[in-house]
All heavy atoms as atom14 arrays in JSON, in Angstrom:
{
  "sequence": "VNELLAVAASADEVRDAVNWNHDQGHVGRLHND",
  "atom14_mask": [
    [1, 1, 1, 1, 1, 1, 1, 0, 0, 0, 0, 0, 0, 0],
    [1, 1, 1, 1, 1, 1, 1, 1, 0, 0, 0, 0, 0, 0],
    [1, 1, 1, 1, 1, 1, 1, 1, 1, 0, 0, 0, 0, 0],
    [1, 1, 1, 1, 1, 1, 1, 1, 0, 0, 0, 0, 0, 0],
    [1, 1, 1, 1, 1, 1, 1, 1, 0, 0, 0, 0, 0, 0],
    [1, 1, 1, 1, 1, 0, 0, 0, 0, 0, 0, 0, 0, 0],
    [1, 1, 1, 1, 1, 1, 1, 0, 0, 0, 0, 0, 0, 0],
    [1, 1, 1, 1, 1, 0, 0, 0, 0, 0, 0, 0, 0, 0],
    [1, 1, 1, 1, 1, 0, 0, 0, 0, 0, 0, 0, 0, 0],
    [1, 1, 1, 1, 1, 1, 0, 0, 0, 0, 0, 0, 0, 0],
    [1, 1, 1, 1, 1, 0, 0, 0, 0, 0, 0, 0, 0, 0],
    [1, 1, 1, 1, 1, 1, 1, 1, 0, 0, 0, 0, 0, 0],
    [1, 1, 1, 1, 1, 1, 1, 1, 1, 0, 0, 0, 0, 0],
    [1, 1, 1, 1, 1, 1, 1, 0, 0, 0, 0, 0, 0, 0],
    [1, 1, 1, 1, 1, 1, 1, 1, 1, 1, 1, 0, 0, 0],
    [1, 1, 1, 1, 1, 1, 1, 1, 0, 0, 0, 0, 0, 0],
    [1, 1, 1, 1, 1, 0, 0, 0, 0, 0, 0, 0, 0, 0],
    [1, 1, 1, 1, 1, 1, 1, 0, 0, 0, 0, 0, 0, 0],
    [1, 1, 1, 1, 1, 1, 1, 1, 0, 0, 0, 0, 0, 0],
    [1, 1, 1, 1, 1, 1, 1, 1, 1, 1, 1, 1, 1, 1],
    [1, 1, 1, 1, 1, 1, 1, 1, 0, 0, 0, 0, 0, 0],
    [1, 1, 1, 1, 1, 1, 1, 1, 1, 1, 0, 0, 0, 0],
    [1, 1, 1, 1, 1, 1, 1, 1, 0, 0, 0, 0, 0, 0],
    [1, 1, 1, 1, 1, 1, 1, 1, 1, 0, 0, 0, 0, 0],
    [1, 1, 1, 1, 0, 0, 0, 0, 0, 0, 0, 0, 0, 0],
    [1, 1, 1, 1, 1, 1, 1, 1, 1, 1, 0, 0, 0, 0],
    [1, 1, 1, 1, 1, 1, 1, 0, 0, 0, 0, 0, 0, 0],
    [1, 1, 1, 1, 0, 0, 0, 0, 0, 0, 0, 0, 0, 0],
    [1, 1, 1, 1, 1, 1, 1, 1, 1, 1, 1, 0, 0, 0],
    [1, 1, 1, 1, 1, 1, 1, 1, 0, 0, 0, 0, 0, 0],
    [1, 1, 1, 1, 1, 1, 1, 1, 1, 1, 0, 0, 0, 0],
    [1, 1, 1, 1, 1, 1, 1, 1, 0, 0, 0, 0, 0, 0],
    [1, 1, 1, 1, 1, 1, 1, 1, 0, 0, 0, 0, 0, 0]
  ],
  "atom14_positions": [
    [[100.77, 110.32, 105.06], [99.95, 111.13, 104.11], [98.45, 111.05, 104.61], [97.76, 112.07, 104.57], [99.95, 110.55, 102.65], [98.93, 111.06, 101.81], [101.38, 110.86, 102.08], [0.0, 0.0, 0.0], [0.0, 0.0, 0.0], [0.0, 0.0, 0.0], [0.0, 0.0, 0.0], [0.0, 0.0, 0.0], [0.0, 0.0, 0.0], [0.0, 0.0, 0.0]],
    [[97.99, 109.87, 105.07], [96.62, 109.73, 105.49], [96.34, 110.49, 106.72], [95.25, 111.02, 107.08], [96.18, 108.35, 105.69], [95.83, 107.64, 104.34], [95.28, 108.38, 103.47], [96.15, 106.46, 104.28], [0.0, 0.0, 0.0], [0.0, 0.0, 0.0], [0.0, 0.0, 0.0], [0.0, 0.0, 0.0], [0.0, 0.0, 0.0], [0.0, 0.0, 0.0]],
    [[97.38, 110.76, 107.58], [97.22, 111.74, 108.81], [96.95, 113.15, 108.32], [96.3, 113.84, 109.06], [98.44, 111.64, 109.65], [98.62, 110.34, 110.4], [99.9, 110.25, 111.21], [100.52, 111.33, 111.35], [100.2, 109.18, 111.79], [0.0, 0.0, 0.0], [0.0, 0.0, 0.0], [0.0, 0.0, 0.0], [0.0, 0.0, 0.0], [0.0, 0.0, 0.0]],
    [[97.38, 113.49, 107.14], [97.24, 114.81, 106.62], [95.85, 115.1, 105.92], [95.54, 116.12, 105.57], [98.41, 115.18, 105.65], [99.73, 115.16, 106.26], [100.77, 115.35, 105.18], [99.91, 116.19, 107.33], [0.0, 0.0, 0.0], [0.0, 0.0, 0.0], [0.0, 0.0, 0.0], [0.0, 0.0, 0.0], [0.0, 0.0, 0.0], [0.0, 0.0, 0.0]],
    [[95.2, 113.99, 105.56], [94.02, 114.09, 104.73], [92.68, 113.96, 105.66], [92.68, 113.14, 106.64], [93.93, 112.91, 103.65], [95.03, 112.95, 102.73], [95.09, 111.63, 101.85], [94.81, 114.13, 101.74], [0.0, 0.0, 0.0], [0.0, 0.0, 0.0], [0.0, 0.0, 0.0], [0.0, 0.0, 0.0], [0.0, 0.0, 0.0], [0.0, 0.0, 0.0]],
    [[91.61, 114.6, 105.22], [90.37, 114.44, 105.85], [89.72, 113.13, 105.59], [89.04, 112.44, 106.44], [89.46, 115.56, 105.43], [0.0, 0.0, 0.0], [0.0, 0.0, 0.0], [0.0, 0.0, 0.0], [0.0, 0.0, 0.0], [0.0, 0.0, 0.0], [0.0, 0.0, 0.0], [0.0, 0.0, 0.0], [0.0, 0.0, 0.0], [0.0, 0.0, 0.0]],
    [[89.98, 112.64, 104.32], [89.42, 111.29, 103.95], [90.58, 110.45, 103.42], [91.43, 110.86, 102.56], [88.38, 111.42, 102.85], [87.99, 110.03, 102.33], [87.19, 112.24, 103.25], [0.0, 0.0, 0.0], [0.0, 0.0, 0.0], [0.0, 0.0, 0.0], [0.0, 0.0, 0.0], [0.0, 0.0, 0.0], [0.0, 0.0, 0.0], [0.0, 0.0, 0.0]],
    [[90.85, 109.27, 104.12], [91.97, 108.49, 103.78], [92.11, 108.08, 102.39], [91.05, 107.86, 101.74], [92.0, 107.32, 104.76], [0.0, 0.0, 0.0], [0.0, 0.0, 0.0], [0.0, 0.0, 0.0], [0.0, 0.0, 0.0], [0.0, 0.0, 0.0], [0.0, 0.0, 0.0], [0.0, 0.0, 0.0], [0.0, 0.0, 0.0], [0.0, 0.0, 0.0]],
    [[93.3, 108.0, 101.87], [93.51, 107.5, 100.53], [93.9, 106.11, 100.58], [94.53, 105.62, 101.59], [94.62, 108.28, 99.9], [0.0, 0.0, 0.0], [0.0, 0.0, 0.0], [0.0, 0.0, 0.0], [0.0, 0.0, 0.0], [0.0, 0.0, 0.0], [0.0, 0.0, 0.0], [0.0, 0.0, 0.0], [0.0, 0.0, 0.0], [0.0, 0.0, 0.0]],
    [[93.69, 105.33, 99.53], [94.11, 103.98, 99.5], [95.6, 103.86, 99.2], [96.29, 104.87, 98.77], [93.33, 103.15, 98.37], [93.81, 103.64, 97.15], [0.0, 0.0, 0.0], [0.0, 0.0, 0.0], [0.0, 0.0, 0.0], [0.0, 0.0, 0.0], [0.0, 0.0, 0.0], [0.0, 0.0, 0.0], [0.0, 0.0, 0.0], [0.0, 0.0, 0.0]],
    [[96.19, 102.67, 99.43], [97.58, 102.57, 99.25], [97.88, 102.71, 97.81], [98.9, 103.3, 97.41], [98.03, 101.09, 99.74], [0.0, 0.0, 0.0], [0.0, 0.0, 0.0], [0.0, 0.0, 0.0], [0.0, 0.0, 0.0], [0.0, 0.0, 0.0], [0.0, 0.0, 0.0], [0.0, 0.0, 0.0], [0.0, 0.0, 0.0], [0.0, 0.0, 0.0]],
    [[97.07, 102.24, 96.85], [97.27, 102.43, 95.49], [97.3, 103.94, 95.08], [98.01, 104.4, 94.24], [96.11, 101.78, 94.66], [96.28, 100.26, 94.76], [97.35, 99.77, 95.03], [95.28, 99.45, 94.5], [0.0, 0.0, 0.0], [0.0, 0.0, 0.0], [0.0, 0.0, 0.0], [0.0, 0.0, 0.0], [0.0, 0.0, 0.0], [0.0, 0.0, 0.0]],
    [[96.35, 104.7, 95.72], [96.3, 106.14, 95.33], [97.55, 106.87, 95.83], [98.16, 107.64, 95.13], [95.08, 106.85, 96.11], [93.81, 106.41, 95.52], [92.56, 107.06, 96.27], [92.59, 106.88, 97.49], [91.78, 107.68, 95.56], [0.0, 0.0, 0.0], [0.0, 0.0, 0.0], [0.0, 0.0, 0.0], [0.0, 0.0, 0.0], [0.0, 0.0, 0.0]],
    [[98.1, 106.42, 96.96], [99.28, 107.17, 97.51], [100.42, 106.67, 96.55], [101.34, 107.41, 96.25], [99.56, 106.76, 98.98], [100.9, 107.22, 99.37], [98.41, 107.35, 99.83], [0.0, 0.0, 0.0], [0.0, 0.0, 0.0], [0.0, 0.0, 0.0], [0.0, 0.0, 0.0], [0.0, 0.0, 0.0], [0.0, 0.0, 0.0], [0.0, 0.0, 0.0]],
    [[100.44, 105.38, 96.21], [101.59, 104.86, 95.35], [101.55, 105.66, 94.0], [102.65, 106.02, 93.57], [101.52, 103.37, 95.03], [102.61, 102.87, 94.27], [102.35, 101.43, 93.8], [101.27, 101.42, 92.8], [100.14, 100.75, 93.06], [100.02, 99.96, 94.11], [99.18, 100.72, 92.12], [0.0, 0.0, 0.0], [0.0, 0.0, 0.0], [0.0, 0.0, 0.0]],
    [[100.4, 105.94, 93.44], [100.31, 106.71, 92.23], [100.84, 108.13, 92.45], [101.55, 108.66, 91.59], [98.81, 106.67, 91.73], [98.35, 105.42, 91.2], [99.16, 104.54, 90.9], [97.1, 105.33, 91.08], [0.0, 0.0, 0.0], [0.0, 0.0, 0.0], [0.0, 0.0, 0.0], [0.0, 0.0, 0.0], [0.0, 0.0, 0.0], [0.0, 0.0, 0.0]],
    [[100.44, 108.72, 93.6], [101.04, 110.07, 93.88], [102.46, 110.05, 94.05], [103.19, 110.99, 93.7], [100.39, 110.58, 95.04], [0.0, 0.0, 0.0], [0.0, 0.0, 0.0], [0.0, 0.0, 0.0], [0.0, 0.0, 0.0], [0.0, 0.0, 0.0], [0.0, 0.0, 0.0], [0.0, 0.0, 0.0], [0.0, 0.0, 0.0], [0.0, 0.0, 0.0]],
    [[103.02, 109.06, 94.74], [104.48, 108.93, 94.9], [105.22, 108.8, 93.56], [106.17, 109.46, 93.3], [104.85, 107.81, 95.86], [106.29, 107.48, 95.88], [104.3, 108.06, 97.3], [0.0, 0.0, 0.0], [0.0, 0.0, 0.0], [0.0, 0.0, 0.0], [0.0, 0.0, 0.0], [0.0, 0.0, 0.0], [0.0, 0.0, 0.0], [0.0, 0.0, 0.0]],
    [[104.65, 107.86, 92.72], [105.2, 107.7, 91.4], [105.17, 108.95, 90.56], [106.12, 109.19, 89.8], [104.52, 106.54, 90.71], [104.93, 105.19, 91.23], [106.03, 105.04, 91.77], [104.05, 104.2, 91.2], [0.0, 0.0, 0.0], [0.0, 0.0, 0.0], [0.0, 0.0, 0.0], [0.0, 0.0, 0.0], [0.0, 0.0, 0.0], [0.0, 0.0, 0.0]],
    [[104.07, 109.71, 90.66], [103.96, 110.95, 89.87], [105.06, 111.96, 90.37], [105.8, 112.65, 89.53], [102.61, 111.65, 90.13], [102.39, 112.8, 89.28], [101.95, 112.94, 88.04], [102.82, 114.22, 89.65], [101.94, 114.19, 87.49], [102.41, 115.0, 88.57], [103.27, 114.75, 90.75], [102.66, 116.39, 88.6], [103.58, 116.15, 90.91], [103.21, 116.98, 89.71]],
    [[105.25, 112.05, 91.64], [106.25, 112.9, 92.27], [107.65, 112.47, 91.85], [108.59, 113.16, 91.58], [106.19, 112.96, 93.75], [105.2, 114.07, 94.19], [105.36, 115.24, 94.03], [104.1, 113.61, 94.82], [0.0, 0.0, 0.0], [0.0, 0.0, 0.0], [0.0, 0.0, 0.0], [0.0, 0.0, 0.0], [0.0, 0.0, 0.0], [0.0, 0.0, 0.0]],
    [[107.82, 111.12, 91.72], [109.08, 110.51, 91.34], [109.51, 110.88, 89.82], [110.57, 111.34, 89.53], [109.01, 109.03, 91.52], [110.41, 108.35, 91.27], [110.66, 107.77, 90.07], [111.56, 108.27, 91.99], [111.89, 107.21, 90.12], [112.45, 107.58, 91.23], [0.0, 0.0, 0.0], [0.0, 0.0, 0.0], [0.0, 0.0, 0.0], [0.0, 0.0, 0.0]],
    [[108.39, 110.79, 89.04], [108.63, 111.14, 87.66], [108.9, 112.64, 87.49], [109.49, 113.03, 86.45], [107.28, 110.83, 86.84], [107.02, 109.39, 86.69], [107.92, 108.58, 86.95], [105.86, 109.06, 86.27], [0.0, 0.0, 0.0], [0.0, 0.0, 0.0], [0.0, 0.0, 0.0], [0.0, 0.0, 0.0], [0.0, 0.0, 0.0], [0.0, 0.0, 0.0]],
    [[108.47, 113.41, 88.39], [108.72, 114.94, 88.27], [110.09, 115.32, 88.97], [110.46, 116.4, 88.82], [107.59, 115.74, 89.0], [106.23, 115.52, 88.39], [106.16, 115.89, 86.99], [106.49, 116.92, 86.52], [105.61, 114.95, 86.19], [0.0, 0.0, 0.0], [0.0, 0.0, 0.0], [0.0, 0.0, 0.0], [0.0, 0.0, 0.0], [0.0, 0.0, 0.0]],
    [[110.65, 114.36, 89.55], [111.94, 114.57, 90.23], [111.82, 115.13, 91.61], [112.93, 115.53, 92.26], [0.0, 0.0, 0.0], [0.0, 0.0, 0.0], [0.0, 0.0, 0.0], [0.0, 0.0, 0.0], [0.0, 0.0, 0.0], [0.0, 0.0, 0.0], [0.0, 0.0, 0.0], [0.0, 0.0, 0.0], [0.0, 0.0, 0.0], [0.0, 0.0, 0.0]],
    [[110.61, 115.14, 92.19], [110.45, 115.62, 93.54], [110.81, 114.69, 94.58], [111.06, 115.08, 95.71], [109.04, 116.24, 93.79], [108.57, 117.24, 92.75], [109.3, 118.46, 92.58], [107.54, 117.35, 91.99], [108.7, 119.14, 91.68], [107.59, 118.61, 91.34], [0.0, 0.0, 0.0], [0.0, 0.0, 0.0], [0.0, 0.0, 0.0], [0.0, 0.0, 0.0]],
    [[110.72, 113.43, 94.32], [110.84, 112.27, 95.22], [111.78, 111.26, 94.62], [111.83, 110.98, 93.48], [109.42, 111.6, 95.39], [109.65, 110.28, 96.31], [108.49, 112.59, 96.14], [0.0, 0.0, 0.0], [0.0, 0.0, 0.0], [0.0, 0.0, 0.0], [0.0, 0.0, 0.0], [0.0, 0.0, 0.0], [0.0, 0.0, 0.0], [0.0, 0.0, 0.0]],
    [[112.73, 110.81, 95.46], [113.73, 109.87, 95.05], [113.41, 108.56, 95.74], [112.68, 108.47, 96.73], [0.0, 0.0, 0.0], [0.0, 0.0, 0.0], [0.0, 0.0, 0.0], [0.0, 0.0, 0.0], [0.0, 0.0, 0.0], [0.0, 0.0, 0.0], [0.0, 0.0, 0.0], [0.0, 0.0, 0.0], [0.0, 0.0, 0.0], [0.0, 0.0, 0.0]],
    [[113.92, 107.48, 95.21], [113.77, 106.11, 95.7], [115.19, 105.38, 95.78], [115.93, 105.4, 94.82], [112.82, 105.36, 94.81], [112.71, 103.91, 95.17], [111.73, 103.17, 94.17], [112.34, 103.2, 92.83], [111.7, 103.11, 91.77], [110.44, 103.02, 91.77], [112.32, 103.1, 90.57], [0.0, 0.0, 0.0], [0.0, 0.0, 0.0], [0.0, 0.0, 0.0]],
    [[115.41, 104.79, 96.83], [116.55, 103.93, 97.05], [116.08, 102.56, 97.53], [115.15, 102.49, 98.36], [117.57, 104.55, 98.02], [118.33, 105.79, 97.57], [119.2, 106.24, 98.79], [119.19, 105.46, 96.42], [0.0, 0.0, 0.0], [0.0, 0.0, 0.0], [0.0, 0.0, 0.0], [0.0, 0.0, 0.0], [0.0, 0.0, 0.0], [0.0, 0.0, 0.0]],
    [[116.79, 101.48, 97.03], [116.4, 100.13, 97.56], [117.23, 99.8, 98.75], [118.51, 99.93, 98.74], [116.56, 99.1, 96.47], [116.15, 97.82, 96.81], [114.8, 97.37, 96.93], [116.75, 96.65, 97.3], [114.58, 96.2, 97.3], [115.86, 95.73, 97.53], [0.0, 0.0, 0.0], [0.0, 0.0, 0.0], [0.0, 0.0, 0.0], [0.0, 0.0, 0.0]],
    [[116.6, 99.44, 99.79], [117.23, 99.01, 101.09], [117.34, 97.54, 100.98], [116.39, 96.77, 101.12], [116.42, 99.5, 102.29], [117.11, 99.13, 103.58], [117.75, 98.03, 103.68], [116.97, 99.99, 104.57], [0.0, 0.0, 0.0], [0.0, 0.0, 0.0], [0.0, 0.0, 0.0], [0.0, 0.0, 0.0], [0.0, 0.0, 0.0], [0.0, 0.0, 0.0]],
    [[118.6, 97.04, 100.78], [118.85, 95.54, 100.68], [118.54, 94.8, 101.99], [117.98, 93.74, 101.88], [120.29, 95.34, 100.27], [120.52, 95.68, 98.81], [119.59, 95.75, 98.01], [121.72, 96.04, 98.55], [0.0, 0.0, 0.0], [0.0, 0.0, 0.0], [0.0, 0.0, 0.0], [0.0, 0.0, 0.0], [0.0, 0.0, 0.0], [0.0, 0.0, 0.0]]
  ]
}
């Protein structure tokens, strides 16, 4: 994501964006044991 941005985002900001997308059903999550 930071490669796509002019100004880097923090890990927390990206996590918030990922969680928002997850809540919308755009992004899925699987746990790798």
